[in-house]
PDB file of N, CA and C in Angstrom:
ATOM      1  N   MET A   1      42.649  82.279 361.021  1.00  0.00           N
ATOM      2  CA  MET A   1      41.167  82.396 362.382  1.00  0.00           C
ATOM      3  C   MET A   1      41.640  82.068 363.605  1.00  0.00           C
ATOM      4  N   SER A   2      41.470  82.592 364.747  1.00  0.00           N
ATOM      5  CA  SER A   2      41.717  82.318 365.821  1.00  0.00           C
ATOM      6  C   SER A   2      40.221  82.914 366.740  1.00  0.00           C
ATOM      7  N   THR A   3      40.313  82.231 367.982  1.00  0.00           N
ATOM      8  CA  THR A   3      39.405  82.878 369.021  1.00  0.00           C
ATOM      9  C   THR A   3      40.008  82.434 370.220  1.00  0.00           C
ATOM     10  N   THR A   4      39.578  83.320 371.603  1.00  0.00           N
ATOM     11  CA  THR A   4      40.046  82.921 372.629  1.00  0.00           C
ATOM     12  C   THR A   4      39.200  82.763 373.104  1.00  0.00           C
ATOM     13  N   ALA A   5      38.531  81.867 374.203  1.00  0.00           N
ATOM     14  CA  ALA A   5      37.793  81.632 375.332  1.00  0.00           C
ATOM     15  C   ALA A   5      38.188  81.115 376.718  1.00  0.00           C
ATOM     16  N   GLN A   6      37.482  81.637 377.503  1.00  0.00           N
ATOM     17  CA  GLN A   6      37.818  81.661 378.826  1.00  0.00           C
ATOM     18  C   GLN A   6      37.090  80.424 379.721  1.00  0.00           C
ATOM     19  N   VAL A   7      38.114  79.243 379.790  1.00  0.00           N
ATOM     20  CA  VAL A   7      37.325  78.077 380.852  1.00  0.00           C
ATOM     21  C   VAL A   7      38.113  77.982 382.304  1.00  0.00           C
ATOM     22  N   GLU A   8      37.375  78.142 383.117  1.00  0.00           N
ATOM     23  CA  GLU A   8      37.698  77.807 384.682  1.00  0.00           C
ATOM     24  C   GLU A   8      38.929  78.920 384.885  1.00  0.00           C
ATOM     25  N   GLY A   9      39.085  80.271 384.863  1.00  0.00           N
ATOM     26  CA  GLY A   9      39.248  80.997 384.801  1.00  0.00           C
ATOM     27  C   GLY A   9      40.517  81.315 383.722  1.00  0.00           C
ATOM     28  N   GLU A  10      41.155  80.335 382.893  1.00  0.00           N
ATOM     29  CA  GLU A  10      42.020  80.387 381.829  1.00  0.00           C
ATOM     30  C   GLU A  10      41.762  81.168 380.516  1.00  0.00           C
ATOM     31  N   ASN A  11      42.490  81.506 379.550  1.00  0.00           N
ATOM     32  CA  ASN A  11      42.269  82.240 378.494  1.00  0.00           C
ATOM     33  C   ASN A  11      42.783  81.039 377.605  1.00  0.00           C
ATOM     34  N   TYR A  12      42.369  80.095 376.802  1.00  0.00           N
ATOM     35  CA  TYR A  12      42.680  79.573 376.023  1.00  0.00           C
ATOM     36  C   TYR A  12      42.528  80.470 374.339  1.00  0.00           C
ATOM     37  N   THR A  13      43.619  80.335 373.785  1.00  0.00           N
ATOM     38  CA  THR A  13      43.347  80.790 372.113  1.00  0.00           C
ATOM     39  C   THR A  13      43.715  79.581 371.403  1.00  0.00           C
ATOM     40  N   PHE A  14      42.983  79.602 370.886  1.00  0.00           N
ATOM     41  CA  PHE A  14      41.955  78.347 369.493  1.00  0.00           C
ATOM     42  C   PHE A  14      42.735  78.796 367.973  1.00  0.00           C
ATOM     43  N   ALA A  15      43.744  78.464 366.997  1.00  0.00           N
ATOM     44  CA  ALA A  15      43.660  79.257 365.846  1.00  0.00           C
ATOM     45  C   ALA A  15      43.431  77.992 365.013  1.00  0.00           C
ATOM     46  N   LYS A  16      43.279  78.209 363.579  1.00  0.00           N
ATOM     47  CA  LYS A  16      43.415  77.653 362.454  1.00  0.00           C
ATOM     48  C   LYS A  16      44.026  77.879 361.218  1.00  0.00           C
ATOM     49  N   GLY A  17      44.544  77.419 360.450  1.00  0.00           N
ATOM     50  CA  GLY A  17      44.887  78.291 358.919  1.00  0.00           C
ATOM     51  C   GLY A  17      45.588  77.205 358.209  1.00  0.00           C
ATOM     52  N   ALA A  18      46.116  77.293 357.265  1.00  0.00           N
ATOM     53  CA  ALA A  18      46.764  76.784 356.098  1.00  0.00           C
ATOM     54  C   ALA A  18      48.190  76.344 356.683  1.00  0.00           C
ATOM     55  N   PRO A  19      48.315  74.880 356.780  1.00  0.00           N
ATOM     56  CA  PRO A  19      49.617  74.264 357.347  1.00  0.00           C
ATOM     57  C   PRO A  19      50.943  75.316 357.025  1.00  0.00           C
ATOM     58  N   ASP A  20      50.791  75.547 355.629  1.00  0.00           N
ATOM     59  CA  ASP A  20      52.344  76.009 355.750  1.00  0.00           C
ATOM     60  C   ASP A  20      52.260  77.373 356.655  1.00  0.00           C
ATOM     61  N   PHE A  21      51.394  78.079 356.734  1.00  0.00           N
ATOM     62  CA  PHE A  21      51.425  79.479 357.489  1.00  0.00           C
ATOM     63  C   PHE A  21      51.418  79.022 358.846  1.00  0.00           C
ATOM     64  N   MET A  22      50.609  77.955 359.330  1.00  0.00           N
ATOM     65  CA  MET A  22      50.333  77.676 361.044  1.00  0.00           C
ATOM     66  C   MET A  22      51.715  77.277 361.668  1.00  0.00           C
ATOM     67  N   ILE A  23      52.181  75.792 360.644  1.00  0.00           N
ATOM     68  CA  ILE A  23      53.308  75.663 361.301  1.00  0.00           C
ATOM     69  C   ILE A  23      55.153  75.872 361.884  1.00  0.00           C
ATOM     70  N   LYS A  24      54.698  77.386 361.224  1.00  0.00           N
ATOM     71  CA  LYS A  24      55.983  78.256 361.656  1.00  0.00           C
ATOM     72  C   LYS A  24      55.228  78.847 362.784  1.00  0.00           C
ATOM     73  N   GLN A  25      54.250  79.155 362.731  1.00  0.00           N
ATOM     74  CA  GLN A  25      53.613  79.854 364.479  1.00  0.00           C
ATOM     75  C   GLN A  25      53.024  78.317 365.280  1.00  0.00           C
ATOM     76  N   CYS A  26      53.842  77.090 365.374  1.00  0.00           N
ATOM     77  CA  CYS A  26      53.655  76.573 366.040  1.00  0.00           C
ATOM     78  C   CYS A  26      55.269  76.171 366.981  1.00  0.00           C
ATOM     79  N   THR A  27      55.599  75.329 368.569  1.00  0.00           N
ATOM     80  CA  THR A  27      56.735  75.368 368.534  1.00  0.00           C
ATOM     81  C   THR A  27      56.331  74.032 369.629  1.00  0.00           C
ATOM     82  N   HIS A  28      54.928  73.281 369.648  1.00  0.00           N
ATOM     83  CA  HIS A  28      54.868  71.861 370.345  1.00  0.00           C
ATOM     84  C   HIS A  28      53.810  71.064 369.340  1.00  0.00           C
ATOM     85  N   TYR A  29      53.865  70.063 369.731  1.00  0.00           N
ATOM     86  CA  TYR A  29      52.480  69.217 369.208  1.00  0.00           C
ATOM     87  C   TYR A  29      52.297  68.570 370.142  1.00  0.00           C
ATOM     88  N   ILE A  30      50.468  67.833 370.244  1.00  0.00           N
ATOM     89  CA  ILE A  30      50.094  66.942 371.352  1.00  0.00           C
ATOM     90  C   ILE A  30      50.727  65.552 370.643  1.00  0.00           C
ATOM     91  N   ASN A  31      51.220  64.910 371.609  1.00  0.00           N
ATOM     92  CA  ASN A  31      51.990  63.426 371.135  1.00  0.00           C
ATOM     93  C   ASN A  31      51.121  62.511 371.543  1.00  0.00           C
ATOM     94  N   LYS A  32      51.083  61.287 370.983  1.00  0.00           N
ATOM     95  CA  LYS A  32      50.194  60.419 371.330  1.00  0.00           C
ATOM     96  C   LYS A  32      49.239  59.623 372.605  1.00  0.00           C
ATOM     97  N   ASP A  33      50.854  60.380 373.481  1.00  0.00           N
ATOM     98  CA  ASP A  33      49.982  60.387 375.100  1.00  0.00           C
ATOM     99  C   ASP A  33      49.602  61.191 375.497  1.00  0.00           C
ATOM    100  N   GLY A  34      49.195  62.434 374.543  1.00  0.00           N
ATOM    101  CA  GLY A  34      48.522  63.377 374.938  1.00  0.00           C
ATOM    102  C   GLY A  34      48.988  64.867 375.738  1.00  0.00           C
ATOM    103  N   GLN A  35      50.813  64.410 375.507  1.00  0.00           N
ATOM    104  CA  GLN A  35      52.015  65.554 376.239  1.00  0.00           C
ATOM    105  C   GLN A  35      52.159  66.177 374.891  1.00  0.00           C
ATOM    106  N   PRO A  36      52.300  67.901 375.372  1.00  0.00           N
ATOM    107  CA  PRO A  36      53.381  68.612 374.606  1.00  0.00           C
ATOM    108  C   PRO A  36      55.021  68.286 374.298  1.00  0.00           C
ATOM    109  N   THR A  37      54.637  68.420 373.255  1.00  0.00           N
ATOM    110  CA  THR A  37      56.197  67.511 372.783  1.00  0.00           C
ATOM    111  C   THR A  37      56.720  68.830 371.650  1.00  0.00           C
ATOM    112  N   PRO A  38      57.706  68.922 371.962  1.00  0.00           N
ATOM    113  CA  PRO A  38      58.956  70.276 371.384  1.00  0.00           C
ATOM    114  C   PRO A  38      58.671  69.629 369.689  1.00  0.00           C
ATOM    115  N   ILE A  39      58.224  70.465 368.473  1.00  0.00           N
ATOM    116  CA  ILE A  39      58.278  70.179 367.489  1.00  0.00           C
ATOM    117  C   ILE A  39      59.549  69.905 366.887  1.00  0.00           C
ATOM    118  N   ASN A  40      60.002  68.419 365.963  1.00  0.00           N
ATOM    119  CA  ASN A  40      61.177  68.345 365.576  1.00  0.00           C
ATOM    120  C   ASN A  40      61.299  67.739 363.849  1.00  0.00           C
ATOM    121  N   ASN A  41      62.399  67.221 363.810  1.00  0.00           N
ATOM    122  CA  ASN A  41      62.465  67.176 362.216  1.00  0.00           C
ATOM    123  C   ASN A  41      61.478  66.167 361.728  1.00  0.00           C
ATOM    124  N   SER A  42      61.619  64.868 363.225  1.00  0.00           N
ATOM    125  CA  SER A  42      60.477  63.648 362.446  1.00  0.00           C
ATOM    126  C   SER A  42      58.943  63.943 362.519  1.00  0.00           C
ATOM    127  N   PHE A  43      58.344  65.222 363.493  1.00  0.00           N
ATOM    128  CA  PHE A  43      57.389  65.455 363.295  1.00  0.00           C
ATOM    129  C   PHE A  43      57.064  66.359 362.012  1.00  0.00           C
ATOM    130  N   ILE A  44      57.863  66.802 361.657  1.00  0.00           N
ATOM    131  CA  ILE A  44      57.323  67.875 360.354  1.00  0.00           C
ATOM    132  C   ILE A  44      57.512  66.974 359.287  1.00  0.00           C
ATOM    133  N   GLU A  45      58.303  65.574 359.279  1.00  0.00           N
ATOM    134  CA  GLU A  45      58.434  64.873 357.668  1.00  0.00           C
ATOM    135  C   GLU A  45      57.201  64.166 357.781  1.00  0.00           C
ATOM    136  N   LYS A  46      56.569  63.739 359.023  1.00  0.00           N
ATOM    137  CA  LYS A  46      55.465  62.968 358.877  1.00  0.00           C
ATOM    138  C   LYS A  46      53.777  63.772 358.877  1.00  0.00           C
ATOM    139  N   LEU A  47      53.981  65.310 359.194  1.00  0.00           N
ATOM    140  CA  LEU A  47      52.988  66.378 358.887  1.00  0.00           C
ATOM    141  C   LEU A  47      52.809  67.095 357.280  1.00  0.00           C
ATOM    142  N   HIS A  48      54.311  66.804 356.466  1.00  0.00           N
ATOM    143  CA  HIS A  48      54.445  66.794 355.077  1.00  0.00           C
ATOM    144  C   HIS A  48      53.784  65.433 354.749  1.00  0.00           C
ATOM    145  N   SER A  49      54.213  64.226 354.660  1.00  0.00           N
ATOM    146  CA  SER A  49      53.496  62.871 354.311  1.00  0.00           C
ATOM    147  C   SER A  49      52.138  63.352 354.222  1.00  0.00           C
ATOM    148  N   GLN A  50      51.239  63.219 355.906  1.00  0.00           N
ATOM    149  CA  GLN A  50      50.181  63.494 355.406  1.00  0.00           C
ATOM    150  C   GLN A  50      49.392  64.348 354.869  1.00  0.00           C
ATOM    151  N   ILE A  51      49.519  65.756 354.504  1.00  0.00           N
ATOM    152  CA  ILE A  51      49.228  66.686 353.971  1.00  0.00           C
ATOM    153  C   ILE A  51      49.206  66.046 352.411  1.00  0.00           C
ATOM    154  N   ASP A  52      50.235  65.171 352.160  1.00  0.00           N
ATOM    155  CA  ASP A  52      50.448  64.953 350.877  1.00  0.00           C
ATOM    156  C   ASP A  52      49.511  63.903 350.540  1.00  0.00           C
ATOM    157  N   LYS A  53      48.957  62.946 351.391  1.00  0.00           N
ATOM    158  CA  LYS A  53      48.092  61.772 351.212  1.00  0.00           C
ATOM    159  C   LYS A  53      46.816  62.622 351.138  1.00  0.00           C
ATOM    160  N   PHE A  54      46.179  63.834 352.045  1.00  0.00           N
ATOM    161  CA  PHE A  54      45.105  65.081 351.792  1.00  0.00           C
ATOM    162  C   PHE A  54      45.215  65.459 350.312  1.00  0.00           C
ATOM    163  N   ALA A  55      46.100  65.685 349.889  1.00  0.00           N
ATOM    164  CA  ALA A  55      45.955  66.302 348.237  1.00  0.00           C
ATOM    165  C   ALA A  55      46.178  65.803 347.065  1.00  0.00           C
ATOM    166  N   GLU A  56      46.767  64.083 347.509  1.00  0.00           N
ATOM    167  CA  GLU A  56      46.146  63.051 346.750  1.00  0.00           C
ATOM    168  C   GLU A  56      44.667  62.763 346.385  1.00  0.00           C
ATOM    169  N   LEU A  57      44.305  63.002 347.754  1.00  0.00           N
ATOM    170  CA  LEU A  57      42.422  62.837 347.470  1.00  0.00           C
ATOM    171  C   LEU A  57      41.898  63.843 347.632  1.00  0.00           C
ATOM    172  N   THR A  58      42.607  65.102 347.027  1.00  0.00           N
ATOM    173  CA  THR A  58      41.798  66.541 346.747  1.00  0.00           C
ATOM    174  C   THR A  58      41.435  67.075 347.972  1.00  0.00           C
ATOM    175  N   LEU A  59      41.698  66.917 348.933  1.00  0.00           N
ATOM    176  CA  LEU A  59      41.600  67.313 350.225  1.00  0.00           C
ATOM    177  C   LEU A  59      42.056  68.541 350.951  1.00  0.00           C
ATOM    178  N   ARG A  60      41.268  69.883 350.769  1.00  0.00           N
ATOM    179  CA  ARG A  60      41.903  71.038 351.614  1.00  0.00           C
ATOM    180  C   ARG A  60      42.357  70.717 352.988  1.00  0.00           C
ATOM    181  N   THR A  61      43.410  70.906 353.199  1.00  0.00           N
ATOM    182  CA  THR A  61      44.061  70.778 354.806  1.00  0.00           C
ATOM    183  C   THR A  61      44.186  72.454 355.704  1.00  0.00           C
ATOM    184  N   LEU A  62      43.639  72.169 356.695  1.00  0.00           N
ATOM    185  CA  LEU A  62      43.610  72.993 358.484  1.00  0.00           C
ATOM    186  C   LEU A  62      44.531  72.449 359.355  1.00  0.00           C
ATOM    187  N   LEU A  63      45.497  73.330 359.869  1.00  0.00           N
ATOM    188  CA  LEU A  63      46.250  72.614 360.729  1.00  0.00           C
ATOM    189  C   LEU A  63      45.850  73.535 362.067  1.00  0.00           C
ATOM    190  N   ILE A  64      45.205  72.933 363.290  1.00  0.00           N
ATOM    191  CA  ILE A  64      44.390  73.503 364.189  1.00  0.00           C
ATOM    192  C   ILE A  64      45.621  73.508 365.526  1.00  0.00           C
ATOM    193  N   GLY A  65      45.478  75.231 365.823  1.00  0.00           N
ATOM    194  CA  GLY A  65      46.653  74.967 367.392  1.00  0.00           C
ATOM    195  C   GLY A  65      45.656  75.447 368.508  1.00  0.00           C
ATOM    196  N   TYR A  66      46.469  75.624 369.518  1.00  0.00           N
ATOM    197  CA  TYR A  66      46.242  76.233 370.839  1.00  0.00           C
ATOM    198  C   TYR A  66      47.433  76.903 371.514  1.00  0.00           C
ATOM    199  N   LYS A  67      46.931  77.594 372.254  1.00  0.00           N
ATOM    200  CA  LYS A  67      47.979  77.928 373.314  1.00  0.00           C
ATOM    201  C   LYS A  67      47.092  78.611 374.847  1.00  0.00           C
ATOM    202  N   LEU A  68      47.896  78.708 375.434  1.00  0.00           N
ATOM    203  CA  LEU A  68      47.001  79.222 376.990  1.00  0.00           C
ATOM    204  C   LEU A  68      47.300  80.480 377.081  1.00  0.00           C
ATOM    205  N   GLY A  69      46.301  81.165 377.263  1.00  0.00           N
ATOM    206  CA  GLY A  69      46.359  83.165 377.162  1.00  0.00           C
ATOM    207  C   GLY A  69      45.730  83.756 376.310  1.00  0.00           C
ATOM    208  N   GLY A  70      46.313  85.154 376.030  1.00  0.00           N
ATOM    209  CA  GLY A  70      44.989  85.446 374.691  1.00  0.00           C
ATOM    210  C   GLY A  70      44.032  86.558 375.394  1.00  0.00           C
ATOM    211  N   ASP A  71      43.483  87.401 374.673  1.00  0.00           N
ATOM    212  CA  ASP A  71      42.423  88.367 375.006  1.00  0.00           C
ATOM    213  C   ASP A  71      41.448  88.480 374.424  1.00  0.00           C
ATOM    214  N   VAL A  72      40.616  87.971 375.665  1.00  0.00           N
ATOM    215  CA  VAL A  72      39.052  87.210 375.367  1.00  0.00           C
ATOM    216  C   VAL A  72      38.474  88.564 374.182  1.00  0.00           C
ATOM    217  N   GLU A  73      38.496  89.617 374.411  1.00  0.00           N
ATOM    218  CA  GLU A  73      38.335  90.896 373.581  1.00  0.00           C
ATOM    219  C   GLU A  73      38.573  90.745 372.381  1.00  0.00           C
ATOM    220  N   ASP A  74      40.047  90.352 372.098  1.00  0.00           N
ATOM    221  CA  ASP A  74      40.401  90.573 371.079  1.00  0.00           C
ATOM    222  C   ASP A  74      41.453  89.517 370.534  1.00  0.00           C
ATOM    223  N   PRO A  75      40.824  88.213 370.186  1.00  0.00           N
ATOM    224  CA  PRO A  75      41.521  87.166 369.704  1.00  0.00           C
ATOM    225  C   PRO A  75      42.482  87.072 368.554  1.00  0.00           C
ATOM    226  N   GLN A  76      42.612  87.965 368.158  1.00  0.00           N
ATOM    227  CA  GLN A  76      43.270  88.194 366.830  1.00  0.00           C
ATOM    228  C   GLN A  76      44.958  88.618 367.536  1.00  0.00           C
ATOM    229  N   GLU A  77      44.758  89.514 368.517  1.00  0.00           N
ATOM    230  CA  GLU A  77      45.577  90.021 369.031  1.00  0.00           C
ATOM    231  C   GLU A  77      47.142  89.363 369.410  1.00  0.00           C
ATOM    232  N   LYS A  78      48.088  88.675 368.679  1.00  0.00           N
ATOM    233  CA  LYS A  78      49.356  88.170 368.544  1.00  0.00           C
ATOM    234  C   LYS A  78      48.738  86.553 369.080  1.00  0.00           C
ATOM    235  N   ALA A  79      47.646  86.054 368.149  1.00  0.00           N
ATOM    236  CA  ALA A  79      47.125  84.461 368.322  1.00  0.00           C
ATOM    237  C   ALA A  79      47.910  83.660 367.665  1.00  0.00           C
ATOM    238  N   PHE A  80      48.364  83.906 366.683  1.00  0.00           N
ATOM    239  CA  PHE A  80      49.363  83.078 365.826  1.00  0.00           C
ATOM    240  C   PHE A  80      51.002  82.890 366.158  1.00  0.00           C
ATOM    241  N   SER A  81      51.239  82.993 367.347  1.00  0.00           N
ATOM    242  CA  SER A  81      52.179  82.535 368.096  1.00  0.00           C
ATOM    243  C   SER A  81      52.714  81.913 369.380  1.00  0.00           C
ATOM    244  N   ASN A  82      53.752  80.896 369.422  1.00  0.00           N
ATOM    245  CA  ASN A  82      53.924  79.971 370.460  1.00  0.00           C
ATOM    246  C   ASN A  82      52.526  79.163 370.370  1.00  0.00           C
ATOM    247  N   LEU A  83      52.497  78.549 369.902  1.00  0.00           N
ATOM    248  CA  LEU A  83      50.787  77.452 369.393  1.00  0.00           C
ATOM    249  C   LEU A  83      51.213  76.048 369.576  1.00  0.00           C
ATOM    250  N   THR A  84      50.396  75.081 370.034  1.00  0.00           N
ATOM    251  CA  THR A  84      50.586  73.853 370.159  1.00  0.00           C
ATOM    252  C   THR A  84      49.447  73.109 369.039  1.00  0.00           C
ATOM    253  N   VAL A  85      50.271  72.427 368.235  1.00  0.00           N
ATOM    254  CA  VAL A  85      49.405  71.684 367.192  1.00  0.00           C
ATOM    255  C   VAL A  85      48.039  71.025 368.199  1.00  0.00           C
ATOM    256  N   LEU A  86      47.411  71.015 367.586  1.00  0.00           N
ATOM    257  CA  LEU A  86      46.044  69.714 367.558  1.00  0.00           C
ATOM    258  C   LEU A  86      45.732  68.794 366.794  1.00  0.00           C
ATOM    259  N   ALA A  87      45.792  69.424 365.747  1.00  0.00           N
ATOM    260  CA  ALA A  87      45.354  68.520 364.603  1.00  0.00           C
ATOM    261  C   ALA A  87      45.835  68.864 363.117  1.00  0.00           C
ATOM    262  N   LEU A  88      45.938  68.110 362.442  1.00  0.00           N
ATOM    263  CA  LEU A  88      45.969  68.455 360.644  1.00  0.00           C
ATOM    264  C   LEU A  88      44.524  67.315 360.302  1.00  0.00           C
ATOM    265  N   VAL A  89      43.572  68.579 359.879  1.00  0.00           N
ATOM    266  CA  VAL A  89      42.648  67.842 359.040  1.00  0.00           C
ATOM    267  C   VAL A  89      42.459  68.081 357.817  1.00  0.00           C
ATOM    268  N   GLY A  90      41.652  67.111 356.782  1.00  0.00           N
ATOM    269  CA  GLY A  90      41.063  67.461 355.543  1.00  0.00           C
ATOM    270  C   GLY A  90      39.608  67.579 355.177  1.00  0.00           C
ATOM    271  N   ILE A  91      39.423  68.377 354.706  1.00  0.00           N
ATOM    272  CA  ILE A  91      38.181  68.485 354.219  1.00  0.00           C
ATOM    273  C   ILE A  91      37.948  68.161 353.103  1.00  0.00           C
TER     274      ILE A  91
END
């Protein structure tokens, strides 16, 4: 699922979904300093480790990402590509 919002004249698309699906659509993540960083093997390993921890607690996981751009009228159009990971959540 995705949505696009206009903030100060810029369109931002936010998307959420199953981590296995979403991570394939992401190229960057927000590091601990708040900066976009290219996804690497270390990040993928940490992500899978956290997913496993959530699974042990019987939590459902969602990956949330965003990108600059998108169509406010049709937020699903090409929403799931070139995303930056914002968060992994366990519900």
